[in-house]
Amino acid sequence: MFDYLKGCLAFFDQAKVVLDVGGVAYRLQIPVRSYAELPPLGSSLQLFSSLVVREDAQMLFGFLEQKERDLFELLISLSGVGPKTALTLIGHVSYEDFYRAISESNSVLLSKIPGIGKKTSERLVIEMKDKLKILDKSYPLPPEAHNRTASDAIFALTNLGYPAFEAQKAVKAALIKGGKSADTSLIISLALREKRQTKK
């Protein structure tokens, strides 16, 4: 119904935004990751939108990037995956890391996301394999994004108990410091150091 909405950011919290579009206020649920990327109140903002209509509710979801919105709609097309689960996935793992987790059958990374258990993550890997072709046609990852070192480092950190989103942030910062030639063990060490410094 709506491809995107563009207006004045009237309100936001970690779960939703209110967008004033020509005097009409639209409330959109957003992924938790988007909260930190929102501009100040009163700023102009464009969100790619998805309207989910249920018997008892009409819910509007907003995304900063079109590929996130399209991934959300692919996820909710799967049996047993509702909007809440899809939004949680996108809120805790980036598009690139989700893509790699599916292509590498890394259900363990997905199972570390709050509310996503072992069975759900394994089913996601199986059912999303074919859907990757759709995503790859629209939003192919650049060659450097297929970084096995990064995937292995994120996998290691999540096994140490770090939330998936925090592990991604630490590894990305470590990759910048370590450079493209850094091996997995160096990236893990730098990422752990990054986490310790963040906690101080």
N, C-alpha and C. Protein backbone atom coordinates (compact mmCIF):
# COMPACT_ATOMS: atom_id res chain seq x y z
N MET A 1 0.83 -1.20 0.00
CA MET A 1 0.00 0.00 0.00
C MET A 1 0.87 1.26 0.00
N PHE A 2 1.82 1.34 0.94
CA PHE A 2 2.78 2.44 0.96
C PHE A 2 4.17 1.86 0.69
N ASP A 3 4.90 2.44 -0.24
CA ASP A 3 6.28 1.99 -0.45
C ASP A 3 7.20 2.64 0.57
N TYR A 4 7.01 3.93 0.77
CA TYR A 4 7.75 4.62 1.82
C TYR A 4 6.94 5.83 2.29
N LEU A 5 7.30 6.32 3.47
CA LEU A 5 6.69 7.52 4.02
C LEU A 5 7.81 8.51 4.34
N LYS A 6 7.60 9.76 3.99
CA LYS A 6 8.61 10.79 4.26
C LYS A 6 7.93 11.97 4.95
N GLY A 7 8.48 12.32 6.10
CA GLY A 7 7.87 13.42 6.84
C GLY A 7 8.74 13.88 7.98
N CYS A 8 8.13 14.53 8.94
CA CYS A 8 8.85 15.08 10.10
C CYS A 8 8.80 14.07 11.25
N LEU A 9 9.94 13.80 11.84
CA LEU A 9 10.01 12.86 12.95
C LEU A 9 9.43 13.54 14.20
N ALA A 10 8.25 13.10 14.62
CA ALA A 10 7.55 13.74 15.72
C ALA A 10 7.81 13.07 17.06
N PHE A 11 8.12 11.77 17.03
CA PHE A 11 8.36 11.02 18.27
C PHE A 11 9.09 9.74 17.91
N PHE A 12 9.92 9.26 18.83
CA PHE A 12 10.50 7.93 18.65
C PHE A 12 10.96 7.36 19.98
N ASP A 13 10.92 6.03 20.05
CA ASP A 13 11.58 5.30 21.14
C ASP A 13 12.18 4.05 20.51
N GLN A 14 12.61 3.10 21.32
CA GLN A 14 13.30 1.93 20.78
C GLN A 14 12.40 1.03 19.95
N ALA A 15 11.09 1.17 20.10
CA ALA A 15 10.18 0.27 19.40
C ALA A 15 9.41 0.91 18.26
N LYS A 16 9.28 2.23 18.27
CA LYS A 16 8.42 2.85 17.26
C LYS A 16 8.82 4.30 16.99
N VAL A 17 8.31 4.81 15.86
CA VAL A 17 8.44 6.22 15.53
C VAL A 17 7.06 6.74 15.15
N VAL A 18 6.88 8.05 15.31
CA VAL A 18 5.69 8.72 14.79
C VAL A 18 6.18 9.71 13.75
N LEU A 19 5.67 9.56 12.53
CA LEU A 19 6.09 10.38 11.41
C LEU A 19 4.93 11.27 10.99
N ASP A 20 5.15 12.58 11.01
CA ASP A 20 4.13 13.54 10.60
C ASP A 20 4.28 13.79 9.11
N VAL A 21 3.32 13.28 8.35
CA VAL A 21 3.35 13.43 6.89
C VAL A 21 2.20 14.34 6.48
N GLY A 22 2.49 15.60 6.26
CA GLY A 22 1.46 16.56 5.85
C GLY A 22 0.32 16.69 6.84
N GLY A 23 0.64 16.62 8.15
CA GLY A 23 -0.39 16.76 9.16
C GLY A 23 -1.05 15.46 9.59
N VAL A 24 -0.69 14.36 8.93
CA VAL A 24 -1.19 13.04 9.32
C VAL A 24 -0.07 12.30 10.03
N ALA A 25 -0.30 11.86 11.27
CA ALA A 25 0.73 11.19 12.06
C ALA A 25 0.65 9.68 11.88
N TYR A 26 1.70 9.09 11.34
CA TYR A 26 1.77 7.64 11.14
C TYR A 26 2.68 7.04 12.22
N ARG A 27 2.19 6.01 12.88
CA ARG A 27 3.00 5.30 13.88
C ARG A 27 3.53 4.02 13.24
N LEU A 28 4.86 3.88 13.25
CA LEU A 28 5.50 2.73 12.63
C LEU A 28 6.38 2.01 13.64
N GLN A 29 6.26 0.70 13.70
CA GLN A 29 7.16 -0.09 14.53
C GLN A 29 8.49 -0.24 13.77
N ILE A 30 9.60 -0.16 14.51
CA ILE A 30 10.92 -0.21 13.87
C ILE A 30 11.79 -1.28 14.52
N PRO A 31 12.82 -1.76 13.80
CA PRO A 31 13.79 -2.68 14.42
C PRO A 31 14.58 -1.92 15.49
N VAL A 32 14.96 -2.61 16.54
CA VAL A 32 15.66 -1.95 17.65
C VAL A 32 16.98 -1.32 17.19
N ARG A 33 17.62 -1.90 16.17
CA ARG A 33 18.89 -1.35 15.67
C ARG A 33 18.72 0.04 15.08
N SER A 34 17.54 0.33 14.57
CA SER A 34 17.30 1.62 13.90
C SER A 34 17.27 2.78 14.88
N TYR A 35 16.98 2.49 16.14
CA TYR A 35 16.83 3.54 17.15
C TYR A 35 18.07 4.45 17.21
N ALA A 36 19.26 3.83 17.21
CA ALA A 36 20.50 4.60 17.34
C ALA A 36 20.83 5.41 16.08
N GLU A 37 20.16 5.08 14.97
CA GLU A 37 20.47 5.74 13.70
C GLU A 37 19.46 6.83 13.34
N LEU A 38 18.47 7.03 14.18
CA LEU A 38 17.45 8.03 13.87
C LEU A 38 17.99 9.44 14.07
N PRO A 39 17.55 10.39 13.25
CA PRO A 39 17.97 11.79 13.41
C PRO A 39 17.23 12.44 14.59
N PRO A 40 17.59 13.66 14.96
CA PRO A 40 16.90 14.33 16.06
C PRO A 40 15.42 14.58 15.75
N LEU A 41 14.64 14.75 16.81
CA LEU A 41 13.23 15.09 16.63
C LEU A 41 13.08 16.35 15.79
N GLY A 42 12.08 16.37 14.93
CA GLY A 42 11.85 17.52 14.06
C GLY A 42 12.56 17.41 12.72
N SER A 43 13.43 16.41 12.59
CA SER A 43 14.16 16.22 11.33
C SER A 43 13.28 15.54 10.29
N SER A 44 13.65 15.72 9.04
CA SER A 44 12.98 15.01 7.96
C SER A 44 13.48 13.57 7.94
N LEU A 45 12.57 12.63 7.74
CA LEU A 45 12.94 11.21 7.76
C LEU A 45 12.11 10.45 6.74
N GLN A 46 12.78 9.55 6.04
CA GLN A 46 12.09 8.65 5.11
C GLN A 46 12.23 7.22 5.61
N LEU A 47 11.11 6.53 5.70
CA LEU A 47 11.12 5.13 6.11
C LEU A 47 10.43 4.28 5.05
N PHE A 48 11.06 3.19 4.67
CA PHE A 48 10.41 2.22 3.79
C PHE A 48 9.43 1.43 4.64
N SER A 49 8.23 1.28 4.15
CA SER A 49 7.17 0.77 5.01
C SER A 49 6.58 -0.55 4.54
N SER A 50 6.00 -1.26 5.50
CA SER A 50 5.30 -2.50 5.21
C SER A 50 4.05 -2.55 6.09
N LEU A 51 2.91 -2.72 5.47
CA LEU A 51 1.64 -2.77 6.19
C LEU A 51 1.22 -4.23 6.35
N VAL A 52 1.03 -4.64 7.59
CA VAL A 52 0.59 -6.01 7.88
C VAL A 52 -0.83 -5.94 8.42
N VAL A 53 -1.75 -6.59 7.74
CA VAL A 53 -3.17 -6.56 8.13
C VAL A 53 -3.55 -7.92 8.70
N ARG A 54 -4.04 -7.88 9.92
CA ARG A 54 -4.52 -9.09 10.60
C ARG A 54 -5.99 -8.89 10.95
N GLU A 55 -6.65 -9.95 11.36
CA GLU A 55 -8.07 -9.87 11.71
C GLU A 55 -8.32 -8.84 12.82
N ASP A 56 -7.39 -8.78 13.77
CA ASP A 56 -7.60 -7.93 14.93
C ASP A 56 -6.75 -6.66 14.94
N ALA A 57 -5.92 -6.45 13.89
CA ALA A 57 -5.04 -5.28 13.91
C ALA A 57 -4.47 -4.97 12.53
N GLN A 58 -4.13 -3.71 12.34
CA GLN A 58 -3.36 -3.27 11.18
C GLN A 58 -2.08 -2.65 11.71
N MET A 59 -0.94 -3.21 11.33
CA MET A 59 0.34 -2.77 11.86
C MET A 59 1.22 -2.23 10.73
N LEU A 60 1.85 -1.09 11.00
CA LEU A 60 2.72 -0.46 10.02
C LEU A 60 4.15 -0.54 10.53
N PHE A 61 5.04 -1.05 9.70
CA PHE A 61 6.44 -1.22 10.07
C PHE A 61 7.32 -0.33 9.20
N GLY A 62 8.35 0.25 9.79
CA GLY A 62 9.22 1.16 9.06
C GLY A 62 10.68 0.74 9.13
N PHE A 63 11.41 0.96 8.02
CA PHE A 63 12.80 0.55 7.91
C PHE A 63 13.62 1.65 7.25
N LEU A 64 14.83 1.85 7.73
CA LEU A 64 15.69 2.89 7.17
C LEU A 64 16.20 2.52 5.78
N GLU A 65 16.30 1.21 5.51
CA GLU A 65 16.80 0.76 4.21
C GLU A 65 15.77 -0.14 3.53
N GLN A 66 15.71 0.00 2.21
CA GLN A 66 14.74 -0.80 1.45
C GLN A 66 15.03 -2.29 1.57
N LYS A 67 16.31 -2.67 1.61
CA LYS A 67 16.64 -4.09 1.68
C LYS A 67 16.17 -4.71 3.00
N GLU A 68 16.15 -3.91 4.07
CA GLU A 68 15.62 -4.41 5.34
C GLU A 68 14.12 -4.66 5.25
N ARG A 69 13.42 -3.71 4.61
CA ARG A 69 11.97 -3.89 4.43
C ARG A 69 11.67 -5.13 3.59
N ASP A 70 12.43 -5.31 2.51
CA ASP A 70 12.19 -6.45 1.63
C ASP A 70 12.53 -7.76 2.33
N LEU A 71 13.58 -7.76 3.16
CA LEU A 71 13.92 -8.94 3.95
C LEU A 71 12.79 -9.25 4.94
N PHE A 72 12.26 -8.21 5.59
CA PHE A 72 11.14 -8.37 6.52
C PHE A 72 9.97 -9.06 5.82
N GLU A 73 9.62 -8.61 4.62
CA GLU A 73 8.48 -9.18 3.91
C GLU A 73 8.73 -10.61 3.45
N LEU A 74 10.00 -10.92 3.15
CA LEU A 74 10.34 -12.31 2.83
C LEU A 74 10.19 -13.19 4.07
N LEU A 75 10.65 -12.68 5.20
CA LEU A 75 10.58 -13.46 6.44
C LEU A 75 9.14 -13.77 6.85
N ILE A 76 8.27 -12.77 6.76
CA ILE A 76 6.89 -13.00 7.20
C ILE A 76 6.10 -13.85 6.20
N SER A 77 6.69 -14.09 5.02
CA SER A 77 6.04 -14.99 4.06
C SER A 77 6.29 -16.45 4.42
N LEU A 78 7.23 -16.70 5.34
CA LEU A 78 7.52 -18.06 5.77
C LEU A 78 6.48 -18.52 6.77
N SER A 79 6.17 -19.80 6.74
CA SER A 79 5.21 -20.36 7.68
C SER A 79 5.76 -20.28 9.11
N GLY A 80 4.95 -19.75 10.01
CA GLY A 80 5.35 -19.70 11.41
C GLY A 80 6.20 -18.52 11.81
N VAL A 81 6.52 -17.63 10.86
CA VAL A 81 7.31 -16.44 11.17
C VAL A 81 6.39 -15.22 11.08
N GLY A 82 6.09 -14.63 12.22
CA GLY A 82 5.23 -13.46 12.25
C GLY A 82 6.03 -12.17 12.23
N PRO A 83 5.33 -11.04 12.18
CA PRO A 83 6.02 -9.75 12.15
C PRO A 83 6.94 -9.51 13.34
N LYS A 84 6.53 -9.95 14.53
CA LYS A 84 7.35 -9.74 15.72
C LYS A 84 8.68 -10.46 15.61
N THR A 85 8.65 -11.71 15.17
CA THR A 85 9.88 -12.49 15.00
C THR A 85 10.76 -11.88 13.92
N ALA A 86 10.16 -11.50 12.79
CA ALA A 86 10.92 -10.91 11.69
C ALA A 86 11.58 -9.60 12.12
N LEU A 87 10.85 -8.77 12.87
CA LEU A 87 11.39 -7.50 13.34
C LEU A 87 12.53 -7.73 14.33
N THR A 88 12.39 -8.75 15.18
CA THR A 88 13.45 -9.08 16.13
C THR A 88 14.73 -9.50 15.40
N LEU A 89 14.59 -10.32 14.38
CA LEU A 89 15.74 -10.76 13.59
C LEU A 89 16.47 -9.57 12.98
N ILE A 90 15.72 -8.70 12.31
CA ILE A 90 16.33 -7.55 11.64
C ILE A 90 16.90 -6.57 12.66
N GLY A 91 16.29 -6.54 13.84
CA GLY A 91 16.76 -5.62 14.88
C GLY A 91 18.04 -6.04 15.55
N HIS A 92 18.41 -7.33 15.42
CA HIS A 92 19.59 -7.82 16.12
C HIS A 92 20.71 -8.31 15.21
N VAL A 93 20.45 -8.40 13.93
CA VAL A 93 21.50 -8.84 13.01
C VAL A 93 21.37 -8.02 11.72
N SER A 94 22.50 -7.55 11.22
CA SER A 94 22.47 -6.72 10.01
C SER A 94 22.06 -7.57 8.80
N TYR A 95 21.64 -6.89 7.75
CA TYR A 95 21.27 -7.58 6.52
C TYR A 95 22.42 -8.46 6.04
N GLU A 96 23.65 -7.92 6.06
CA GLU A 96 24.81 -8.65 5.55
C GLU A 96 25.10 -9.89 6.39
N ASP A 97 25.03 -9.74 7.71
CA ASP A 97 25.33 -10.88 8.58
C ASP A 97 24.23 -11.93 8.54
N PHE A 98 22.98 -11.49 8.36
CA PHE A 98 21.89 -12.45 8.20
C PHE A 98 22.09 -13.23 6.91
N TYR A 99 22.44 -12.53 5.84
CA TYR A 99 22.68 -13.16 4.54
C TYR A 99 23.78 -14.22 4.68
N ARG A 100 24.88 -13.85 5.35
CA ARG A 100 25.98 -14.80 5.51
C ARG A 100 25.57 -15.99 6.39
N ALA A 101 24.80 -15.72 7.44
CA ALA A 101 24.37 -16.81 8.33
C ALA A 101 23.55 -17.84 7.57
N ILE A 102 22.67 -17.36 6.68
CA ILE A 102 21.86 -18.29 5.90
C ILE A 102 22.72 -19.02 4.87
N SER A 103 23.56 -18.29 4.15
CA SER A 103 24.37 -18.92 3.08
C SER A 103 25.38 -19.91 3.64
N GLU A 104 25.84 -19.68 4.89
CA GLU A 104 26.81 -20.57 5.52
C GLU A 104 26.16 -21.56 6.49
N SER A 105 24.81 -21.58 6.50
CA SER A 105 24.05 -22.48 7.38
C SER A 105 24.44 -22.30 8.85
N ASN A 106 24.66 -21.05 9.24
CA ASN A 106 25.08 -20.73 10.61
C ASN A 106 23.86 -20.48 11.49
N SER A 107 23.17 -21.56 11.83
CA SER A 107 21.97 -21.43 12.66
C SER A 107 22.32 -21.04 14.09
N VAL A 108 23.55 -21.32 14.52
CA VAL A 108 23.96 -20.99 15.89
C VAL A 108 23.92 -19.49 16.12
N LEU A 109 24.41 -18.70 15.14
CA LEU A 109 24.39 -17.25 15.28
C LEU A 109 22.95 -16.75 15.43
N LEU A 110 22.05 -17.27 14.61
CA LEU A 110 20.65 -16.83 14.67
C LEU A 110 19.99 -17.26 15.97
N SER A 111 20.40 -18.40 16.52
CA SER A 111 19.78 -18.88 17.76
C SER A 111 20.18 -18.04 18.97
N LYS A 112 21.23 -17.21 18.82
CA LYS A 112 21.66 -16.34 19.92
C LYS A 112 20.80 -15.08 20.01
N ILE A 113 19.97 -14.84 19.01
CA ILE A 113 19.09 -13.66 19.01
C ILE A 113 17.95 -13.89 20.00
N PRO A 114 17.63 -12.92 20.85
CA PRO A 114 16.56 -13.11 21.84
C PRO A 114 15.25 -13.54 21.19
N GLY A 115 14.66 -14.60 21.72
CA GLY A 115 13.38 -15.07 21.22
C GLY A 115 13.47 -16.02 20.04
N ILE A 116 14.68 -16.26 19.54
CA ILE A 116 14.87 -17.18 18.41
C ILE A 116 15.57 -18.43 18.93
N GLY A 117 14.83 -19.50 19.05
CA GLY A 117 15.41 -20.73 19.58
C GLY A 117 16.14 -21.55 18.54
N LYS A 118 16.67 -22.68 18.98
CA LYS A 118 17.44 -23.57 18.11
C LYS A 118 16.60 -24.09 16.94
N LYS A 119 15.38 -24.53 17.23
CA LYS A 119 14.53 -25.08 16.17
C LYS A 119 14.15 -24.02 15.15
N THR A 120 13.82 -22.81 15.63
CA THR A 120 13.44 -21.73 14.71
C THR A 120 14.61 -21.34 13.83
N SER A 121 15.80 -21.23 14.42
CA SER A 121 16.97 -20.82 13.63
C SER A 121 17.32 -21.87 12.58
N GLU A 122 17.21 -23.14 12.94
CA GLU A 122 17.51 -24.21 11.96
C GLU A 122 16.50 -24.20 10.82
N ARG A 123 15.23 -23.95 11.17
CA ARG A 123 14.19 -23.90 10.13
C ARG A 123 14.38 -22.68 9.22
N LEU A 124 14.81 -21.57 9.82
CA LEU A 124 15.07 -20.36 9.02
C LEU A 124 16.16 -20.62 7.98
N VAL A 125 17.23 -21.27 8.41
CA VAL A 125 18.34 -21.57 7.49
C VAL A 125 17.84 -22.40 6.31
N ILE A 126 17.04 -23.41 6.60
CA ILE A 126 16.53 -24.29 5.54
C ILE A 126 15.59 -23.54 4.60
N GLU A 127 14.61 -22.82 5.19
CA GLU A 127 13.57 -22.20 4.37
C GLU A 127 14.04 -20.93 3.65
N MET A 128 15.09 -20.27 4.19
CA MET A 128 15.57 -19.04 3.56
C MET A 128 16.60 -19.29 2.47
N LYS A 129 17.11 -20.52 2.36
CA LYS A 129 18.14 -20.81 1.35
C LYS A 129 17.69 -20.40 -0.05
N ASP A 130 16.48 -20.82 -0.42
CA ASP A 130 15.97 -20.48 -1.75
C ASP A 130 15.65 -19.00 -1.88
N LYS A 131 15.24 -18.39 -0.78
CA LYS A 131 14.90 -16.97 -0.80
C LYS A 131 16.12 -16.10 -1.03
N LEU A 132 17.31 -16.61 -0.70
CA LEU A 132 18.54 -15.83 -0.91
C LEU A 132 18.70 -15.43 -2.37
N LYS A 133 18.20 -16.27 -3.26
CA LYS A 133 18.29 -15.95 -4.69
C LYS A 133 17.54 -14.66 -5.00
N ILE A 134 16.40 -14.47 -4.32
CA ILE A 134 15.61 -13.25 -4.52
C ILE A 134 16.38 -12.05 -3.98
N LEU A 135 16.95 -12.20 -2.78
CA LEU A 135 17.71 -11.10 -2.18
C LEU A 135 18.96 -10.80 -3.00
N ASP A 136 19.63 -11.85 -3.46
CA ASP A 136 20.87 -11.66 -4.20
C ASP A 136 20.64 -10.92 -5.51
N LYS A 137 19.47 -11.15 -6.11
CA LYS A 137 19.14 -10.48 -7.37
C LYS A 137 18.93 -8.98 -7.14
N SER A 138 18.30 -8.64 -6.01
CA SER A 138 18.00 -7.23 -5.72
C SER A 138 19.13 -6.52 -4.98
N TYR A 139 19.74 -7.22 -4.02
CA TYR A 139 20.77 -6.59 -3.16
C TYR A 139 21.97 -7.52 -3.00
N PRO A 140 22.71 -7.76 -4.09
CA PRO A 140 23.87 -8.66 -3.95
C PRO A 140 24.93 -8.06 -3.03
N LEU A 141 25.56 -8.91 -2.24
CA LEU A 141 26.63 -8.43 -1.37
C LEU A 141 27.88 -8.20 -2.20
N PRO A 142 28.63 -7.14 -1.93
CA PRO A 142 29.91 -6.94 -2.62
C PRO A 142 30.87 -8.05 -2.21
N PRO A 143 31.89 -8.36 -3.05
CA PRO A 143 32.81 -9.46 -2.74
C PRO A 143 33.42 -9.37 -1.35
N GLU A 144 33.78 -8.15 -0.90
CA GLU A 144 34.43 -8.02 0.40
C GLU A 144 33.49 -8.33 1.55
N ALA A 145 32.17 -8.30 1.28
CA ALA A 145 31.21 -8.59 2.34
C ALA A 145 31.14 -10.09 2.64
N HIS A 146 31.59 -10.90 1.68
CA HIS A 146 31.64 -12.34 1.90
C HIS A 146 32.91 -12.66 2.67
N ASN A 147 32.98 -12.17 3.87
CA ASN A 147 34.20 -12.25 4.66
C ASN A 147 34.07 -13.37 5.68
N ARG A 148 34.72 -14.49 5.40
CA ARG A 148 34.63 -15.65 6.28
C ARG A 148 35.28 -15.36 7.64
N THR A 149 36.33 -14.54 7.61
CA THR A 149 36.99 -14.17 8.87
C THR A 149 36.02 -13.48 9.81
N ALA A 150 35.26 -12.53 9.28
CA ALA A 150 34.27 -11.82 10.10
C ALA A 150 33.22 -12.78 10.63
N SER A 151 32.72 -13.66 9.77
CA SER A 151 31.69 -14.61 10.19
C SER A 151 32.20 -15.51 11.31
N ASP A 152 33.44 -16.01 11.15
CA ASP A 152 34.01 -16.89 12.17
C ASP A 152 34.21 -16.16 13.50
N ALA A 153 34.62 -14.89 13.41
CA ALA A 153 34.84 -14.10 14.63
C ALA A 153 33.51 -13.83 15.35
N ILE A 154 32.48 -13.48 14.59
CA ILE A 154 31.16 -13.25 15.18
C ILE A 154 30.64 -14.53 15.82
N PHE A 155 30.82 -15.64 15.12
CA PHE A 155 30.41 -16.95 15.64
C PHE A 155 31.11 -17.24 16.98
N ALA A 156 32.42 -16.97 17.04
CA ALA A 156 33.19 -17.22 18.27
C ALA A 156 32.69 -16.35 19.42
N LEU A 157 32.43 -15.07 19.15
CA LEU A 157 31.97 -14.16 20.21
C LEU A 157 30.58 -14.53 20.72
N THR A 158 29.70 -14.93 19.81
CA THR A 158 28.36 -15.33 20.26
C THR A 158 28.45 -16.60 21.11
N ASN A 159 29.38 -17.49 20.79
CA ASN A 159 29.58 -18.69 21.61
C ASN A 159 30.13 -18.35 22.98
N LEU A 160 30.81 -17.21 23.08
CA LEU A 160 31.31 -16.74 24.38
C LEU A 160 30.23 -16.04 25.19
N GLY A 161 29.07 -15.88 24.58
CA GLY A 161 27.95 -15.31 25.32
C GLY A 161 27.57 -13.89 24.94
N TYR A 162 28.27 -13.30 23.97
CA TYR A 162 27.94 -11.94 23.56
C TYR A 162 26.67 -11.95 22.70
N PRO A 163 25.76 -10.99 22.89
CA PRO A 163 24.60 -10.88 22.00
C PRO A 163 25.06 -10.68 20.55
N ALA A 164 24.28 -11.19 19.61
CA ALA A 164 24.67 -11.16 18.19
C ALA A 164 24.98 -9.75 17.71
N PHE A 165 24.12 -8.78 18.07
CA PHE A 165 24.32 -7.41 17.58
C PHE A 165 25.61 -6.82 18.14
N GLU A 166 25.90 -7.06 19.43
CA GLU A 166 27.12 -6.54 20.03
C GLU A 166 28.35 -7.20 19.41
N ALA A 167 28.26 -8.49 19.12
CA ALA A 167 29.37 -9.19 18.48
C ALA A 167 29.65 -8.61 17.10
N GLN A 168 28.60 -8.30 16.35
CA GLN A 168 28.79 -7.70 15.02
C GLN A 168 29.50 -6.36 15.10
N LYS A 169 29.06 -5.51 16.03
CA LYS A 169 29.66 -4.19 16.18
C LYS A 169 31.13 -4.29 16.54
N ALA A 170 31.45 -5.19 17.49
CA ALA A 170 32.84 -5.34 17.92
C ALA A 170 33.72 -5.86 16.80
N VAL A 171 33.20 -6.80 16.03
CA VAL A 171 33.99 -7.38 14.92
C VAL A 171 34.21 -6.35 13.82
N LYS A 172 33.19 -5.56 13.53
CA LYS A 172 33.35 -4.54 12.49
C LYS A 172 34.40 -3.51 12.88
N ALA A 173 34.40 -3.12 14.16
CA ALA A 173 35.42 -2.19 14.65
C ALA A 173 36.79 -2.84 14.60
N ALA A 174 36.87 -4.13 14.92
CA ALA A 174 38.14 -4.85 14.90
C ALA A 174 38.69 -4.98 13.48
N LEU A 175 37.80 -5.17 12.51
CA LEU A 175 38.23 -5.29 11.11
C LEU A 175 38.86 -3.99 10.62
N ILE A 176 38.33 -2.86 11.08
CA ILE A 176 38.90 -1.56 10.71
C ILE A 176 40.31 -1.43 11.28
N LYS A 177 40.48 -1.83 12.53
CA LYS A 177 41.80 -1.72 13.18
C LYS A 177 42.79 -2.74 12.63
N GLY A 178 42.30 -3.96 12.39
CA GLY A 178 43.19 -5.03 11.98
C GLY A 178 43.53 -5.06 10.51
N GLY A 179 42.64 -4.47 9.69
CA GLY A 179 42.90 -4.47 8.26
C GLY A 179 42.42 -5.75 7.58
N LYS A 180 42.39 -5.74 6.27
CA LYS A 180 41.85 -6.86 5.49
C LYS A 180 42.68 -8.13 5.64
N SER A 181 43.98 -7.99 5.96
CA SER A 181 44.84 -9.17 6.03
C SER A 181 44.80 -9.86 7.39
N ALA A 182 44.11 -9.29 8.35
CA ALA A 182 44.07 -9.86 9.70
C ALA A 182 43.37 -11.22 9.70
N ASP A 183 43.92 -12.16 10.47
CA ASP A 183 43.30 -13.48 10.54
C ASP A 183 42.23 -13.50 11.64
N THR A 184 41.54 -14.62 11.74
CA THR A 184 40.41 -14.71 12.66
C THR A 184 40.82 -14.49 14.11
N SER A 185 41.94 -15.10 14.53
CA SER A 185 42.37 -14.97 15.93
C SER A 185 42.68 -13.53 16.29
N LEU A 186 43.29 -12.78 15.37
CA LEU A 186 43.59 -11.37 15.64
C LEU A 186 42.30 -10.56 15.74
N ILE A 187 41.36 -10.82 14.83
CA ILE A 187 40.08 -10.10 14.85
C ILE A 187 39.33 -10.37 16.15
N ILE A 188 39.35 -11.62 16.61
CA ILE A 188 38.68 -11.95 17.88
C ILE A 188 39.33 -11.21 19.04
N SER A 189 40.67 -11.19 19.06
CA SER A 189 41.40 -10.48 20.13
C SER A 189 41.08 -8.99 20.12
N LEU A 190 41.09 -8.38 18.93
CA LEU A 190 40.78 -6.96 18.82
C LEU A 190 39.33 -6.68 19.22
N ALA A 191 38.44 -7.59 18.84
CA ALA A 191 37.02 -7.41 19.17
C ALA A 191 36.80 -7.50 20.68
N LEU A 192 37.47 -8.44 21.33
CA LEU A 192 37.36 -8.57 22.79
C LEU A 192 37.90 -7.32 23.48
N ARG A 193 39.01 -6.80 22.94
CA ARG A 193 39.58 -5.57 23.50
C ARG A 193 38.59 -4.41 23.31
N GLU A 194 37.95 -4.37 22.15
CA GLU A 194 36.96 -3.33 21.86
C GLU A 194 35.80 -3.42 22.85
N LYS A 195 35.36 -4.64 23.16
CA LYS A 195 34.27 -4.82 24.11
C LYS A 195 34.67 -4.35 25.50
N ARG A 196 35.91 -4.66 25.91
CA ARG A 196 36.37 -4.25 27.24
C ARG A 196 36.44 -2.73 27.35
N GLN A 197 36.91 -2.09 26.28
CA GLN A 197 37.02 -0.63 26.29
C GLN A 197 35.65 0.02 26.31
N THR A 198 34.69 -0.59 25.63
CA THR A 198 33.33 -0.06 25.60
C THR A 198 32.68 -0.10 26.98
N LYS A 199 33.01 -1.12 27.76
CA LYS A 199 32.41 -1.29 29.08
C LYS A 199 32.96 -0.29 30.10
N LYS A 200 34.16 0.24 29.85
CA LYS A 200 34.79 1.16 30.80
C LYS A 200 34.05 2.49 30.89
